[in-house]
Protein backbone atom coordinates (compact mmCIF):
# COMPACT_ATOMS: atom_id res chain seq x y z
CA MET A 1 -17.37 14.67 12.29
CA PRO A 2 -13.91 15.85 13.02
CA GLU A 3 -11.03 16.40 10.93
CA THR A 4 -8.63 13.19 11.24
CA ALA A 5 -6.94 12.71 7.85
CA THR A 6 -3.45 11.11 7.92
CA PRO A 7 -0.72 13.72 5.96
CA ALA A 8 0.74 12.33 2.55
CA ILE A 9 3.61 10.38 3.01
CA PRO A 10 6.53 12.67 1.87
CA THR A 11 8.71 10.83 -0.76
CA LYS A 12 12.27 10.42 1.37
CA PRO A 13 14.98 7.92 1.40
CA ARG A 14 14.38 4.87 3.94
CA ASP A 15 16.33 5.19 7.11
CA VAL A 16 16.67 4.02 10.25
CA GLN A 17 15.90 5.60 13.52
CA VAL A 18 17.25 4.97 16.98
CA VAL A 19 15.21 5.87 20.00
CA GLN A 20 15.65 4.89 23.85
CA ILE A 21 12.29 3.99 24.96
CA ALA A 22 12.64 2.40 28.72
CA ALA A 23 15.82 1.20 30.68
CA GLU A 24 18.18 -0.45 28.68
CA THR A 25 16.20 -0.72 25.50
CA LEU A 26 16.40 0.86 22.20
CA LEU A 27 13.84 1.11 19.20
CA ILE A 28 15.72 0.39 16.05
CA ARG A 29 13.35 1.32 13.44
CA SER A 30 13.94 0.47 9.75
CA ARG A 31 11.68 3.52 8.04
CA SER A 32 9.73 2.74 4.40
CA TRP A 33 8.23 6.49 3.34
CA GLY A 34 7.16 4.77 0.74
CA ARG A 35 4.59 1.30 -0.13
CA LEU A 36 6.92 -1.91 0.80
CA ARG A 37 5.04 -4.44 -0.92
CA PHE A 38 1.99 -5.58 -2.96
CA GLU A 39 0.34 -7.06 -0.18
CA ILE A 40 -3.01 -6.04 0.63
CA GLU A 41 -2.14 -5.04 4.13
CA TYR A 42 0.05 -2.08 2.38
CA ALA A 43 -2.85 -0.70 0.64
CA LEU A 44 -3.50 2.26 2.15
CA GLN A 45 0.22 3.31 1.09
CA ARG A 46 1.49 5.61 3.62
CA GLY A 47 4.40 3.75 4.60
CA THR A 48 5.84 1.13 7.26
CA THR A 49 8.25 0.83 10.04
CA ALA A 50 9.88 -2.23 10.51
CA ASN A 51 10.45 -2.36 14.25
CA SER A 52 13.57 -3.85 15.58
CA TYR A 53 14.12 -3.59 19.33
CA LEU A 54 17.84 -3.78 21.36
CA ILE A 55 18.07 -4.76 25.62
CA GLN A 56 21.62 -4.30 26.88
CA ALA A 57 22.08 -5.68 30.54
CA ASN A 58 24.12 -7.96 31.40
CA LYS A 59 23.12 -9.99 28.38
CA ILE A 60 22.47 -8.57 24.77
CA ALA A 61 18.98 -9.24 23.33
CA LEU A 62 18.12 -8.19 19.95
CA PHE A 63 14.75 -8.48 18.76
CA ASP A 64 13.20 -8.86 15.24
CA PRO A 65 16.14 -8.03 12.68
CA PRO A 66 14.32 -6.50 9.56
CA GLY A 67 14.34 -7.86 6.22
CA GLU A 68 17.23 -7.57 3.93
CA SER A 69 16.25 -4.05 2.06
CA PHE A 70 17.55 -2.51 5.34
CA THR A 71 20.26 -4.96 6.34
CA GLU A 72 23.41 -2.70 5.64
CA LYS A 73 21.53 0.20 7.03
CA PHE A 74 20.06 -1.52 10.19
CA ILE A 75 23.52 -3.08 10.96
CA ALA A 76 25.19 -0.24 10.58
CA GLU A 77 23.21 1.78 13.28
CA LEU A 78 23.63 -1.25 15.20
CA GLN A 79 27.43 -1.21 15.43
CA GLN A 80 27.29 2.64 16.67
CA ARG A 81 24.80 1.20 19.36
CA THR A 82 26.44 -1.89 21.02
CA ASP A 83 29.17 -4.20 20.09
CA VAL A 84 27.68 -6.41 17.74
CA THR A 85 30.31 -8.91 18.56
CA LYS A 86 28.73 -9.65 22.18
CA ILE A 87 25.13 -9.80 21.09
CA ASP A 88 23.92 -13.48 22.93
CA TYR A 89 20.16 -13.66 21.57
CA VAL A 90 18.30 -12.65 18.52
CA ILE A 91 14.54 -13.05 19.61
CA LEU A 92 11.95 -13.99 16.52
CA GLY A 93 8.45 -13.23 17.17
CA HIS A 94 7.95 -14.70 13.94
CA VAL A 95 10.37 -16.55 11.49
CA ASN A 96 9.89 -14.08 7.87
CA PRO A 97 12.10 -15.64 5.19
CA ASN A 98 13.25 -12.00 4.20
CA ARG A 99 15.00 -11.64 7.32
CA SER A 100 17.64 -14.42 5.87
CA GLU A 101 20.18 -11.80 4.49
CA THR A 102 20.28 -9.80 8.06
CA LEU A 103 20.33 -13.09 10.05
CA LYS A 104 22.94 -14.07 8.18
CA LYS A 105 24.81 -10.90 7.92
CA LEU A 106 24.58 -10.67 11.90
CA LEU A 107 25.64 -14.59 12.74
CA GLU A 108 28.98 -13.70 10.73
CA ILE A 109 30.44 -10.91 13.23
CA ALA A 110 28.84 -13.15 16.27
CA PRO A 111 28.71 -16.21 15.74
CA GLN A 112 27.75 -16.85 19.18
CA ILE A 113 24.58 -15.56 18.53
CA THR A 114 21.77 -18.11 20.44
CA PHE A 115 18.36 -18.03 18.36
CA VAL A 116 15.31 -17.67 20.01
CA CYS A 117 11.63 -18.65 19.11
CA SER A 118 8.37 -21.10 19.13
CA ASN A 119 8.94 -24.64 18.42
CA PRO A 120 7.55 -24.10 15.14
CA GLY A 121 9.90 -20.73 14.71
CA ALA A 122 12.58 -23.39 15.13
CA ILE A 123 11.48 -25.55 12.29
CA SER A 124 10.94 -22.52 9.90
CA LEU A 125 14.45 -21.30 11.19
CA ARG A 126 16.54 -24.65 10.19
CA SER A 127 14.56 -24.99 7.16
CA LEU A 128 16.03 -21.13 6.17
CA LEU A 129 19.80 -21.25 7.44
CA PRO A 130 20.44 -25.00 6.94
CA GLU A 131 24.03 -24.17 7.08
CA THR A 132 24.96 -22.09 9.84
CA GLY A 133 24.88 -24.98 12.70
CA LEU A 134 22.30 -22.34 14.79
CA LYS A 135 22.12 -22.36 18.14
CA ILE A 136 18.31 -22.52 19.14
CA LYS A 137 16.35 -22.00 22.52
CA VAL A 138 12.91 -23.09 21.64
CA MET A 139 10.33 -21.28 24.00
CA ARG A 140 7.12 -23.42 24.07
CA GLY A 141 5.18 -20.80 27.01
CA ASP A 142 6.71 -21.84 30.30
CA GLU A 143 10.26 -20.70 29.92
CA THR A 144 11.86 -17.67 31.05
CA LEU A 145 15.21 -15.53 30.07
CA ASN A 146 17.35 -13.60 32.38
CA LEU A 147 18.82 -11.13 30.95
CA GLY A 148 20.73 -9.45 34.54
CA GLN A 149 19.85 -6.20 35.52
CA GLY A 150 16.36 -6.81 36.14
CA HIS A 151 15.52 -8.06 32.56
CA ARG A 152 13.49 -11.11 32.60
CA LEU A 153 11.79 -12.04 29.67
CA ILE A 154 8.70 -14.02 29.78
CA PHE A 155 7.76 -15.67 26.30
CA THR A 156 3.94 -16.40 25.32
CA PRO A 157 3.43 -18.74 21.86
CA ILE A 158 1.27 -16.46 19.95
CA PRO A 159 0.26 -18.72 17.32
CA THR A 160 -2.52 -18.13 14.19
CA PRO A 161 -2.87 -19.98 11.07
CA ARG A 162 -0.79 -17.02 8.59
CA TRP A 163 2.19 -16.54 11.83
CA PRO A 164 1.81 -20.81 13.42
CA ASP A 165 5.01 -19.60 14.80
CA GLY A 166 3.98 -16.35 16.63
CA LEU A 167 5.92 -15.94 19.91
CA ALA A 168 5.16 -12.59 22.41
CA THR A 169 7.84 -11.26 24.55
CA TYR A 170 6.95 -10.07 27.89
CA ASP A 171 10.03 -7.84 29.73
CA SER A 172 9.14 -7.91 33.61
CA LYS A 173 11.11 -4.69 34.82
CA THR A 174 10.06 -2.42 31.98
CA GLN A 175 7.05 -4.00 31.73
CA ILE A 176 6.69 -4.03 27.79
CA LEU A 177 4.93 -6.35 26.07
CA PHE A 178 6.75 -6.97 22.52
CA SER A 179 3.73 -8.44 20.44
CA ASP A 180 5.14 -9.03 17.18
CA LYS A 181 2.23 -9.01 14.69
CA PHE A 182 0.01 -7.80 17.28
CA PHE A 183 -1.12 -4.39 17.11
CA GLY A 184 0.48 -2.94 14.66
CA ALA A 185 0.06 -0.32 11.87
CA HIS A 186 1.49 0.50 8.61
CA VAL A 187 2.31 3.85 9.16
CA CYS A 188 5.38 5.84 8.35
CA GLY A 189 6.36 9.03 10.56
CA ASP A 190 8.83 10.22 13.28
CA GLN A 191 6.48 9.81 16.31
CA ILE A 192 7.55 7.11 18.40
CA PHE A 193 4.48 6.95 20.59
CA ASP A 194 0.80 7.12 20.13
CA GLU A 195 0.43 10.53 21.29
CA GLY A 196 -2.89 11.61 19.54
CA TRP A 197 -3.80 7.99 19.21
CA THR A 198 -7.05 8.30 16.88
CA VAL A 199 -5.09 9.21 14.27
CA TYR A 200 -4.49 6.14 13.60
CA ASN A 201 -7.55 4.96 13.92
CA GLU A 202 -7.83 3.86 10.41
CA ASP A 203 -4.75 2.65 10.11
CA ARG A 204 -4.92 0.55 12.75
CA ARG A 205 -8.74 -0.79 11.72
CA TYR A 206 -7.58 -1.40 8.39
CA TYR A 207 -4.63 -3.21 9.60
CA PHE A 208 -6.44 -5.65 11.89
CA ASP A 209 -9.22 -6.19 8.76
CA SER A 210 -6.33 -7.01 6.53
CA LEU A 211 -4.11 -9.13 8.81
CA MET A 212 -6.55 -10.74 11.77
CA ALA A 213 -9.89 -10.44 10.69
CA SER A 214 -9.88 -13.98 8.71
CA GLN A 215 -7.82 -15.44 11.96
CA ALA A 216 -10.81 -14.09 14.70
CA ALA A 217 -11.05 -17.13 16.31
CA GLN A 218 -7.42 -17.49 17.41
CA VAL A 219 -6.91 -13.61 17.81
CA GLY A 220 -9.46 -14.12 20.71
CA THR A 221 -7.52 -16.98 22.20
CA VAL A 222 -4.33 -14.80 21.79
CA LEU A 223 -6.11 -11.98 23.42
CA ASP A 224 -6.37 -14.38 26.44
CA ARG A 225 -2.86 -15.62 27.05
CA LEU A 226 -1.73 -11.94 26.78
CA GLU A 227 -4.31 -11.07 29.77
CA ALA A 228 -2.97 -13.22 31.64
CA LEU A 229 0.50 -11.69 32.06
CA PRO A 230 1.42 -8.92 34.70
CA PRO A 231 0.94 -5.25 33.93
CA VAL A 232 1.69 -3.78 30.19
CA ALA A 233 3.35 -0.17 30.30
CA PHE A 234 2.94 -0.64 26.67
CA TYR A 235 2.97 -2.15 23.38
CA ALA A 236 5.87 -2.95 21.37
CA PRO A 237 4.62 -4.37 17.71
CA GLY A 238 6.61 -5.01 14.42
CA HIS A 239 5.13 -2.07 12.70
CA GLY A 240 4.01 1.32 13.43
CA PRO A 241 3.65 3.67 16.24
CA LEU A 242 4.43 1.94 19.84
CA VAL A 243 0.68 1.74 21.69
CA ARG A 244 1.08 3.17 25.57
CA TYR A 245 -1.74 6.26 25.42
CA GLY A 246 -4.61 3.85 23.04
CA MET A 247 -3.69 0.51 24.67
CA HIS A 248 -6.82 0.16 26.81
CA GLU A 249 -9.21 1.19 23.50
CA LEU A 250 -6.90 -1.59 21.00
CA THR A 251 -6.86 -4.27 23.19
CA GLY A 252 -10.67 -3.93 23.40
CA ASN A 253 -11.23 -3.25 19.68
CA TYR A 254 -8.99 -6.07 18.92
CA ARG A 255 -11.56 -7.91 21.11
CA LYS A 256 -14.99 -6.50 19.71
CA TRP A 257 -13.81 -7.01 16.03
CA SER A 258 -12.87 -10.88 16.47
CA GLN A 259 -15.83 -11.24 18.54
CA GLU A 260 -17.84 -9.67 15.63
CA GLN A 261 -16.22 -11.80 12.92
CA ALA A 262 -16.62 -15.08 14.88
CA ASN A 263 -20.39 -14.44 15.22
CA GLN A 264 -21.18 -14.38 11.26
CA THR A 265 -23.46 -17.39 11.16
CA ILE A 266 -21.88 -18.04 7.73
CA SER A 267 -18.43 -19.54 7.65
CA VAL A 268 -15.95 -20.46 4.46
CA ALA A 269 -13.09 -22.49 4.85
CA LEU A 270 -9.96 -21.00 3.32
CA ILE A 271 -7.53 -23.88 3.02
CA TYR A 272 -3.76 -23.23 1.67
CA ALA A 273 -0.29 -23.90 2.28
CA SER A 274 2.42 -20.88 1.34
CA ALA A 275 6.34 -21.99 0.28
CA TYR A 276 7.10 -18.78 -0.37
CA GLY A 277 4.66 -17.02 1.29
CA ASN A 278 3.40 -15.52 -2.09
CA THR A 279 0.15 -18.04 -2.09
CA ALA A 280 -0.90 -17.00 1.58
CA VAL A 281 -0.79 -12.95 0.03
CA VAL A 282 -3.78 -14.73 -2.45
CA GLY A 283 -5.29 -16.30 0.27
CA GLN A 284 -5.44 -13.06 2.52
CA ALA A 285 -6.93 -10.92 -0.15
CA ILE A 286 -9.43 -13.90 -1.28
CA ALA A 287 -10.60 -13.53 2.66
CA SER A 288 -10.41 -9.88 2.96
CA GLY A 289 -13.33 -9.90 0.29
CA LEU A 290 -15.03 -12.70 2.44
CA THR A 291 -14.98 -10.65 5.79
CA LYS A 292 -15.81 -8.00 4.03
CA ALA A 293 -19.24 -9.23 2.97
CA GLY A 294 -19.53 -9.99 6.29
CA ILE A 295 -18.37 -13.63 6.46
CA ARG A 296 -16.87 -15.74 8.68
CA VAL A 297 -13.51 -17.10 7.52
CA GLU A 298 -11.65 -20.26 9.00
CA SER A 299 -8.42 -19.76 7.92
CA ILE A 300 -6.53 -23.10 7.59
CA ASN A 301 -2.96 -23.75 7.08
CA CYS A 302 -2.39 -27.04 6.34
CA GLU A 303 1.47 -27.00 7.14
CA VAL A 304 0.45 -26.88 10.76
CA ALA A 305 -3.29 -28.08 10.70
CA THR A 306 -4.34 -31.58 11.98
CA PRO A 307 -6.34 -33.90 9.28
CA GLU A 308 -8.96 -33.48 12.31
CA GLU A 309 -9.07 -29.16 12.21
CA ILE A 310 -8.94 -29.74 8.22
CA GLN A 311 -11.97 -31.89 8.31
CA ALA A 312 -13.91 -30.43 11.11
CA ALA A 313 -13.92 -26.85 8.98
CA VAL A 314 -14.83 -28.85 6.10
CA GLU A 315 -17.81 -30.32 7.49
CA LYS A 316 -19.21 -27.11 9.24
CA CYS A 317 -18.47 -24.72 6.54
CA ALA A 318 -20.99 -23.68 4.21
CA GLY A 319 -18.50 -23.25 1.60
CA PHE A 320 -14.58 -23.76 0.96
CA ILE A 321 -11.91 -22.13 -1.25
CA ILE A 322 -8.34 -24.13 -1.19
CA GLY A 323 -5.00 -22.77 -3.08
CA SER A 324 -1.88 -24.35 -3.00
CA PRO A 325 1.86 -23.58 -4.86
CA THR A 326 3.11 -25.31 -6.89
CA LEU A 327 6.92 -27.14 -5.82
CA GLY A 328 8.64 -29.47 -8.23
CA GLY A 329 5.51 -29.48 -10.51
CA HIS A 330 3.42 -30.81 -8.02
CA ALA A 331 1.05 -29.49 -4.79
CA PRO A 332 2.88 -30.40 -1.67
CA THR A 333 1.92 -33.02 0.69
CA GLN A 334 -0.12 -30.95 3.12
CA ILE A 335 -2.01 -30.67 0.00
CA GLN A 336 -2.46 -33.56 -1.27
CA THR A 337 -3.82 -34.69 2.18
CA ALA A 338 -6.24 -31.83 3.00
CA LEU A 339 -7.75 -32.29 -0.51
CA GLY A 340 -8.09 -35.94 -0.08
CA ILE A 341 -10.01 -35.12 3.42
CA VAL A 342 -11.75 -32.28 1.62
CA LEU A 343 -12.94 -35.09 -1.34
CA SER A 344 -13.85 -37.55 1.34
CA THR A 345 -16.23 -34.97 3.57
CA ALA A 346 -17.19 -31.80 1.90
CA ASP A 347 -21.14 -31.82 0.48
CA LYS A 348 -21.02 -31.75 -3.65
CA SER A 349 -23.56 -28.76 -3.29
CA LYS A 350 -20.89 -26.25 -1.13
CA PRO A 351 -19.38 -24.27 -3.54
CA CYS A 352 -15.58 -23.93 -3.76
CA GLY A 353 -12.71 -22.03 -5.31
CA VAL A 354 -9.24 -22.87 -6.80
CA PHE A 355 -6.15 -20.17 -6.44
CA GLY A 356 -2.67 -20.40 -6.51
CA SER A 357 0.75 -19.77 -7.07
CA PHE A 358 3.55 -20.71 -8.93
CA GLY A 359 7.06 -19.88 -10.60
CA TRP A 360 6.64 -21.51 -14.17
CA SER A 361 3.61 -23.91 -15.22
CA GLY A 362 1.42 -24.17 -11.90
CA GLU A 363 0.55 -28.42 -12.27
CA ALA A 364 -0.89 -27.82 -8.77
CA ILE A 365 -3.45 -25.17 -9.66
CA ASP A 366 -4.74 -27.74 -12.30
CA LEU A 367 -4.97 -30.84 -9.78
CA LEU A 368 -6.97 -29.08 -7.55
CA GLU A 369 -9.24 -27.84 -10.27
CA ASN A 370 -9.64 -31.17 -12.17
CA LYS A 371 -10.13 -33.21 -8.76
CA LEU A 372 -12.91 -31.30 -7.64
CA LYS A 373 -14.79 -31.03 -11.04
CA ASN A 374 -14.27 -34.65 -12.21
CA ALA A 375 -15.78 -35.14 -8.20
CA GLY A 376 -18.64 -33.78 -8.90
CA TYR A 377 -17.81 -29.94 -7.54
CA GLN A 378 -18.82 -26.60 -8.88
CA LEU A 379 -16.47 -23.72 -8.64
CA SER A 380 -17.49 -20.27 -8.26
CA PHE A 381 -15.03 -18.30 -9.56
CA GLU A 382 -12.14 -19.25 -12.44
CA PRO A 383 -9.02 -21.06 -10.70
CA ILE A 384 -6.73 -17.96 -9.46
CA ARG A 385 -3.00 -18.33 -11.33
CA VAL A 386 -0.82 -16.15 -10.57
CA LYS A 387 2.39 -16.17 -11.28
CA PHE A 388 5.51 -15.63 -8.90
CA LYS A 389 4.61 -12.40 -6.59
CA PRO A 390 0.66 -10.65 -7.48
CA THR A 391 0.52 -7.40 -8.23
CA ASP A 392 -1.66 -4.67 -7.02
CA VAL A 393 -4.22 -5.07 -9.74
CA THR A 394 -4.30 -9.11 -9.14
CA LEU A 395 -4.92 -8.43 -4.98
CA LYS A 396 -7.82 -6.66 -5.83
CA MET A 397 -9.71 -9.04 -8.22
CA CYS A 398 -9.06 -11.54 -5.68
CA GLU A 399 -10.59 -9.56 -3.01
CA GLU A 400 -13.71 -8.75 -5.67
CA VAL A 401 -13.59 -13.09 -5.73
CA GLY A 402 -13.93 -12.83 -2.14
CA VAL A 403 -16.96 -10.90 -1.90
CA ASP A 404 -18.26 -11.99 -4.98
CA PHE A 405 -18.09 -15.63 -3.56
CA ALA A 406 -19.76 -13.98 0.18
CA GLN A 407 -22.68 -12.66 -1.94
CA ALA A 408 -23.71 -15.71 -3.46
CA LEU A 409 -23.44 -18.15 -0.52
CA LYS A 410 -25.81 -14.85 1.21
CA ARG A 411 -28.28 -14.88 -2.11
CA SER A 412 -28.71 -19.19 -1.79
CA LYS A 413 -31.77 -20.74 -1.17
CA LYS A 414 -29.99 -21.90 1.98
CA PHE A 415 -29.32 -18.49 3.65
CA ARG A 416 -31.37 -16.30 1.94
CA PRO A 417 -33.94 -14.93 4.65
CA ALA A 418 -37.73 -14.93 3.65
CA THR A 419 -38.92 -12.08 1.90
CA GLN A 420 -41.70 -9.83 3.44
CA PRO A 421 -43.47 -7.44 3.01
CA ALA A 422 -42.31 -3.86 3.33
CA ASN A 423 -43.76 -2.86 6.70
CA ASN A 424 -44.85 1.24 7.36
CA THR A 425 -41.43 2.16 8.91
CA GLU A 426 -39.36 0.08 5.92
CA GLN A 427 -41.70 2.25 3.68
CA ALA A 428 -41.33 5.67 5.24
CA VAL A 429 -37.42 5.20 5.34
CA GLY A 430 -37.75 4.35 1.30
CA ARG A 431 -39.45 7.97 1.26
CA ILE A 432 -35.94 8.96 1.66
CA ILE A 433 -34.54 9.92 -1.35
CA GLY A 434 -31.28 11.37 -2.77
CA SER A 435 -29.56 12.59 -6.33
CA LEU A 436 -28.24 9.51 -8.28
CA CYS A 437 -24.89 9.82 -8.74
CA VAL A 438 -21.77 7.49 -9.48
CA LEU A 439 -18.59 7.63 -7.21
CA THR A 440 -15.24 6.93 -9.33
CA ALA A 441 -12.13 6.43 -8.48
CA LYS A 442 -8.35 5.57 -8.97
CA GLN A 443 -5.26 4.48 -7.45
CA GLY A 444 -2.16 3.62 -9.91
CA GLU A 445 -3.57 0.66 -12.22
CA ILE A 446 -6.53 0.53 -10.31
CA SER A 447 -9.74 1.99 -10.64
CA SER A 448 -13.01 1.27 -9.75
CA GLY A 449 -16.86 2.98 -9.43
CA MET A 450 -19.93 1.96 -7.92
CA LEU A 451 -24.12 3.71 -8.47
CA ALA A 452 -24.39 5.90 -5.38
CA SER A 453 -27.84 7.02 -3.95
CA TRP A 454 -27.28 7.68 -0.36
CA VAL A 455 -25.35 10.92 -0.53
CA SER A 456 -25.98 14.27 0.76
CA GLN A 457 -24.23 17.44 1.25
CA ALA A 458 -22.62 18.03 4.74
CA THR A 459 -20.77 21.20 5.53
CA PHE A 460 -20.54 24.94 4.24
CA ASN A 461 -16.68 25.65 5.21
CA PRO A 462 -15.46 24.00 3.49
CA PRO A 463 -17.95 23.06 1.21
CA GLY A 464 -18.14 18.65 1.98
CA LEU A 465 -20.55 15.67 1.75
CA THR A 466 -21.09 12.83 2.98
CA VAL A 467 -21.13 9.46 0.67
CA ALA A 468 -22.24 5.86 2.45
CA VAL A 469 -20.10 2.82 0.75
CA ALA A 470 -21.66 -0.28 1.34
CA LYS A 471 -18.52 -2.61 3.11
CA ASP A 472 -18.56 -5.15 0.47
CA ARG A 473 -18.32 -2.46 -2.46
CA ALA A 474 -15.18 -2.78 -4.53
CA VAL A 475 -14.85 1.28 -4.20
CA GLU A 476 -14.47 0.84 -0.47
CA SER A 477 -11.04 0.15 -0.72
CA LEU A 478 -10.50 3.22 -2.58
CA THR A 479 -12.20 5.54 -0.15
CA HIS A 480 -9.68 6.01 2.50
CA ILE A 481 -8.77 9.07 4.85
CA GLY A 482 -6.53 10.86 2.20
CA ASP A 483 -8.02 9.46 -0.73
CA SER A 484 -9.80 11.24 -3.77
CA PHE A 485 -12.39 10.65 -5.51
CA ALA A 486 -15.07 12.37 -8.13
CA LEU A 487 -18.80 11.86 -7.69
CA ASN A 488 -20.71 11.93 -10.96
CA ILE A 489 -24.19 13.75 -10.88
CA LEU A 490 -26.07 11.71 -13.21
CA GLN A 491 -28.92 13.36 -15.01
CA GLU A 492 -32.53 12.60 -14.88
CA GLY A 493 -33.36 10.74 -18.43
CA LYS A 494 -29.90 9.72 -19.71
CA GLN A 495 -28.39 5.75 -18.69
CA LEU A 496 -25.74 5.90 -17.09
CA ARG A 497 -27.39 4.48 -14.49
CA LYS A 498 -28.16 1.63 -16.29
CA HIS A 499 -24.64 0.29 -16.87
CA PHE A 500 -23.57 0.82 -13.10
CA MET A 501 -26.58 -0.98 -12.02
CA LYS A 502 -25.03 -4.11 -13.49
CA LYS A 503 -22.90 -6.71 -12.21
CA PHE A 504 -19.48 -6.80 -12.63
CA ALA A 505 -17.07 -9.59 -12.91
CA PRO A 506 -14.19 -9.09 -10.69
CA GLY A 507 -11.67 -6.96 -11.93
CA GLU A 508 -13.48 -5.85 -14.64
CA ASP A 509 -13.20 -2.55 -16.33
CA ARG A 510 -16.41 -0.46 -15.16
CA PHE A 511 -15.95 2.10 -17.64
CA ALA A 512 -15.60 -0.20 -21.06
CA GLY A 513 -18.08 1.59 -22.93
CA VAL A 514 -18.66 4.59 -21.21
CA GLU A 515 -17.21 8.04 -22.56
CA ILE A 516 -14.63 9.31 -19.88
CA GLU A 517 -11.96 11.97 -19.25
CA GLU A 518 -9.43 12.67 -16.65
CA ALA A 519 -10.07 15.19 -13.24
CA ASP A 520 -7.48 17.13 -11.53
CA ASN A 521 -7.35 14.67 -9.09
CA GLY A 522 -6.52 11.74 -11.80
CA CYS A 523 -10.07 10.02 -11.17
CA PRO A 524 -11.88 9.16 -13.74
CA VAL A 525 -15.09 11.63 -15.10
CA LEU A 526 -18.07 10.40 -17.04
CA LYS A 527 -18.80 13.15 -19.66
CA GLU A 528 -22.39 12.94 -19.61
CA ALA A 529 -22.71 13.25 -15.94
CA LEU A 530 -24.75 16.83 -15.18
CA ALA A 531 -21.77 18.24 -12.95
CA TYR A 532 -19.23 16.82 -11.30
CA LEU A 533 -17.44 17.32 -7.57
CA GLU A 534 -13.63 16.80 -7.40
CA CYS A 535 -13.69 15.10 -3.45
CA THR A 536 -10.99 14.31 -1.04
CA VAL A 537 -11.81 12.14 1.94
CA ARG A 538 -11.43 13.70 5.39
CA ASP A 539 -13.06 10.98 7.83
CA ARG A 540 -14.94 7.69 8.14
CA MET A 541 -17.55 6.22 10.19
CA GLU A 542 -18.40 2.62 10.69
CA CYS A 543 -22.16 2.60 10.67
CA GLY A 544 -23.76 -1.32 10.52
CA ASP A 545 -23.11 -2.76 6.89
CA HIS A 546 -21.85 0.89 5.16
CA TRP A 547 -19.03 3.34 5.64
CA VAL A 548 -20.23 7.24 5.67
CA VAL A 549 -17.21 8.64 4.40
CA TYR A 550 -17.06 12.79 5.09
CA ALA A 551 -15.08 14.22 2.05
CA THR A 552 -14.58 17.91 1.15
CA ILE A 553 -14.67 19.03 -2.25
CA ASP A 554 -12.03 20.70 -4.01
CA ARG A 555 -13.68 21.60 -7.32
CA GLY A 556 -16.30 20.95 -9.05
CA GLN A 557 -17.82 21.83 -12.68
CA VAL A 558 -21.86 21.66 -13.84
CA ASN A 559 -21.74 20.23 -17.59
CA ASP A 560 -25.27 20.77 -18.24
CA PRO A 561 -26.83 24.35 -16.42
CA THR A 562 -30.49 23.17 -18.05
CA GLY A 563 -30.88 19.65 -16.81
CA GLN A 564 -32.64 17.78 -13.95
CA THR A 565 -30.60 16.07 -11.01
CA ALA A 566 -31.59 12.32 -11.46
CA VAL A 567 -33.02 10.75 -8.21
CA HIS A 568 -34.02 7.34 -6.26
CA HIS A 569 -37.24 6.68 -5.38
CA ARG A 570 -37.92 3.47 -3.45
CA LYS A 571 -40.57 1.57 -2.09
CA SER A 572 -38.74 -0.14 0.93
CA GLY A 573 -35.60 1.08 3.01
CA ASN A 574 -34.22 -2.36 2.93
CA TYR A 575 -32.53 -2.36 -0.51
CA TYR A 576 -31.34 0.09 -2.94
């Protein structure tokens, strides 16, 4: 496998980069070199860019100003490039509360600005800026906007449960598609376009899995709408490099990945509302765990979904998870309506769960829990209660909750396939053996480990190995390109394997009761291991229900030169 490791993001102050990308069109990138927020989509910690765009024709249009952490730098840079007092339009691909300070500053300088957005976006914008006397131009999909000099903008609503106000914009002169949340990546650098685009494969796939996989049906519909547009020169997304050289491949991958999710036979309804975005972030982490484990997620945003849509999702799902913020000591009206539909529709044998975020007391979570329990439903996990914003550790726990929920569904009698004796091929595959190891990793406050037997040396120069990691393993998210791990090789006759063979609860410390020390790369090392290797991930290959991870070996240590390596013997190749 080729080495395609993404270089470590250097520590730099946040800055704004300005580049002309087409006729009368500037890219204004607000760059964050470190992790921007504690959301699962940023977990690769490769920085990000908030991409804004400026078209200066007879009319001036500004696309998607950044959040408040960049307000001053962005406006200062903007003022060097154009007369801000003469901006005619601010076009919003979606309305983010984090942008409110920047929008207010722009309105102070240029009160004549007309905001261009979708109808749901207009509703959100009026709520966000209630006292500013906004001028809003709503685009429902059959309108255009002529900026002059050939720049005729065509608008296409691209709603999804997470962003019901999504809006894409096509410029007929430059053939640029301003695609908002679609086709992005959270990675920061100096490169503007995606030359050598394969280096971004992992970042783009992770971005899709984090944000789009749980709303795959709507993603497919959006792709159909975008394909109906005139020819596109390149995508200008809201985050990451502009997509020109790998545009065809990335579009095809979005279609393929969405279809793979839609084809999953077991579905879970994820029903939520989110006042400030925190509940949606928690739900997104749970959904990530569900999709990793091969479950189709039907995302239902109660703020925009109809009662009929909620009922249909609840009727066909194998289980449901419902989440709510707490507003004034209560659940929002939309959640109360959805709960009523659930109680009158969902079979009581369906597994369920409850989550939510709150500022002070969290009564909405208690309401959901008590109503479901009193109606005879069995909660599959303890309600997830997040005060204010979730932390990295909390999001990891939520992801593991989603994986556990999915695995329990698959093990249930309704979906478990009938057990058949292993045939000759399966028995033969089972005779492949490997050394028994424990892969351990740590990033910040998150640590994890798993028992691994699909391990093999892969290269001599540089010394390297491969290890297969199931997609639904907790440690999988810590084995991306550039990450470090320790491979602890177990000794025959020792009992460490029993500890790591047990089922761990979401968020449970994998190393409680085990003697460990810290390796040079920061990962836990098991003191009772026969030997250990410190490794850096260089590449990953998706192989069915596993990722094959290639890593180079940085250093190693043999703890017992006389010991024998433990191996794993199987009777069938159908399971570990």
